[in-house]
């Protein structure tokens, strides 16, 4: 599995869990809490991906550019 695909799948799973289960039960209709939980879930994705790819020699393709 490519790095880009694993990142996309992780974000899709986190978004699905957040909007289907976490937000309706913990946040309700409070838009400020939704914004805070969005930041927390984005940070969670960054922490997971940082642990997986930090220090590796994996190059990421972003449109026409290679990123490392």
C-alpha atoms as a PDB file:
ATOM      1  CA  UNK A   1       0.000   0.000   0.000  1.00  0.00           C
ATOM      2  CA  UNK A   2       1.382   3.395  -0.915  1.00  0.00           C
ATOM      3  CA  UNK A   3       1.969   6.042   1.716  1.00  0.00           C
ATOM      4  CA  UNK A   4      -0.577   8.366   0.150  1.00  0.00           C
ATOM      5  CA  UNK A   5      -3.260   5.674   0.217  1.00  0.00           C
ATOM      6  CA  UNK A   6      -2.614   4.803   3.861  1.00  0.00           C
ATOM      7  CA  UNK A   7      -2.843   8.490   4.827  1.00  0.00           C
ATOM      8  CA  UNK A   8      -6.095   8.896   2.913  1.00  0.00           C
ATOM      9  CA  UNK A   9      -7.612   5.764   4.451  1.00  0.00           C
ATOM     10  CA  UNK A  10      -6.600   6.795   7.980  1.00  0.00           C
ATOM     11  CA  UNK A  11      -8.200  10.212   7.529  1.00  0.00           C
ATOM     12  CA  UNK A  12     -11.355   8.646   6.083  1.00  0.00           C
ATOM     13  CA  UNK A  13     -11.665   6.286   9.057  1.00  0.00           C
ATOM     14  CA  UNK A  14     -11.081   9.079  11.580  1.00  0.00           C
ATOM     15  CA  UNK A  15     -13.649  11.330   9.870  1.00  0.00           C
ATOM     16  CA  UNK A  16     -16.215   8.527   9.697  1.00  0.00           C
ATOM     17  CA  UNK A  17     -15.812   7.652  13.379  1.00  0.00           C
ATOM     18  CA  UNK A  18     -15.872  11.293  14.417  1.00  0.00           C
ATOM     19  CA  UNK A  19     -18.985  12.310  12.499  1.00  0.00           C
ATOM     20  CA  UNK A  20     -20.969   9.103  13.014  1.00  0.00           C
ATOM     21  CA  UNK A  21     -20.226   8.302  16.652  1.00  0.00           C
ATOM     22  CA  UNK A  22     -18.171  10.879  18.575  1.00  0.00           C
ATOM     23  CA  UNK A  23     -19.762  14.141  17.506  1.00  0.00           C
ATOM     24  CA  UNK A  24     -23.410  13.128  17.933  1.00  0.00           C
ATOM     25  CA  UNK A  25     -22.797  11.638  21.393  1.00  0.00           C
ATOM     26  CA  UNK A  26     -20.305  14.118  22.881  1.00  0.00           C
ATOM     27  CA  UNK A  27     -20.781  17.377  21.009  1.00  0.00           C
ATOM     28  CA  UNK A  28     -24.409  17.676  20.000  1.00  0.00           C
ATOM     29  CA  UNK A  29     -25.216  20.870  18.121  1.00  0.00           C
ATOM     30  CA  UNK A  30     -22.579  23.087  19.714  1.00  0.00           C
ATOM     31  CA  UNK A  31     -20.461  24.410  16.825  1.00  0.00           C
ATOM     32  CA  UNK A  32     -17.628  25.500  19.138  1.00  0.00           C
ATOM     33  CA  UNK A  33     -17.212  21.957  20.441  1.00  0.00           C
ATOM     34  CA  UNK A  34     -17.282  20.644  16.867  1.00  0.00           C
ATOM     35  CA  UNK A  35     -14.411  22.982  15.978  1.00  0.00           C
ATOM     36  CA  UNK A  36     -12.411  21.876  19.017  1.00  0.00           C
ATOM     37  CA  UNK A  37     -13.004  18.187  18.289  1.00  0.00           C
ATOM     38  CA  UNK A  38     -12.024  18.747  14.633  1.00  0.00           C
ATOM     39  CA  UNK A  39      -8.682  20.117  15.822  1.00  0.00           C
ATOM     40  CA  UNK A  40      -8.243  17.158  18.169  1.00  0.00           C
ATOM     41  CA  UNK A  41      -9.015  14.597  15.455  1.00  0.00           C
ATOM     42  CA  UNK A  42      -6.655  16.330  13.016  1.00  0.00           C
ATOM     43  CA  UNK A  43      -3.950  16.288  15.670  1.00  0.00           C
ATOM     44  CA  UNK A  44      -4.606  12.600  16.267  1.00  0.00           C
ATOM     45  CA  UNK A  45      -4.086  11.852  12.582  1.00  0.00           C
ATOM     46  CA  UNK A  46      -0.852  13.859  12.585  1.00  0.00           C
ATOM     47  CA  UNK A  47       0.472  12.029  15.644  1.00  0.00           C
ATOM     48  CA  UNK A  48      -0.297   8.605  14.176  1.00  0.00           C
ATOM     49  CA  UNK A  49       1.253   9.439  10.817  1.00  0.00           C
ATOM     50  CA  UNK A  50       4.279  11.114  12.384  1.00  0.00           C
ATOM     51  CA  UNK A  51       5.016   7.978  14.386  1.00  0.00           C
ATOM     52  CA  UNK A  52       4.736   5.873  11.254  1.00  0.00           C
ATOM     53  CA  UNK A  53       6.717   7.970   8.750  1.00  0.00           C
ATOM     54  CA  UNK A  54       9.121  10.161  10.775  1.00  0.00           C
ATOM     55  CA  UNK A  55      12.735   9.556   9.805  1.00  0.00           C
ATOM     56  CA  UNK A  56      11.825   7.225   6.978  1.00  0.00           C
ATOM     57  CA  UNK A  57      13.056   7.579   3.448  1.00  0.00           C
ATOM     58  CA  UNK A  58       9.545   7.628   2.026  1.00  0.00           C
ATOM     59  CA  UNK A  59       8.809  10.170  -0.677  1.00  0.00           C
ATOM     60  CA  UNK A  60       5.285  11.481  -1.012  1.00  0.00           C
ATOM     61  CA  UNK A  61       3.843  12.482  -4.368  1.00  0.00           C
ATOM     62  CA  UNK A  62       1.684  15.586  -4.284  1.00  0.00           C
ATOM     63  CA  UNK A  63       0.236  16.307  -7.717  1.00  0.00           C
ATOM     64  CA  UNK A  64       3.366  16.974  -9.782  1.00  0.00           C
ATOM     65  CA  UNK A  65       5.833  17.319  -6.907  1.00  0.00           C
ATOM     66  CA  UNK A  66       7.743  14.849  -4.766  1.00  0.00           C
ATOM     67  CA  UNK A  67       7.852  15.718  -1.085  1.00  0.00           C
ATOM     68  CA  UNK A  68      10.042  14.289   1.620  1.00  0.00           C
END
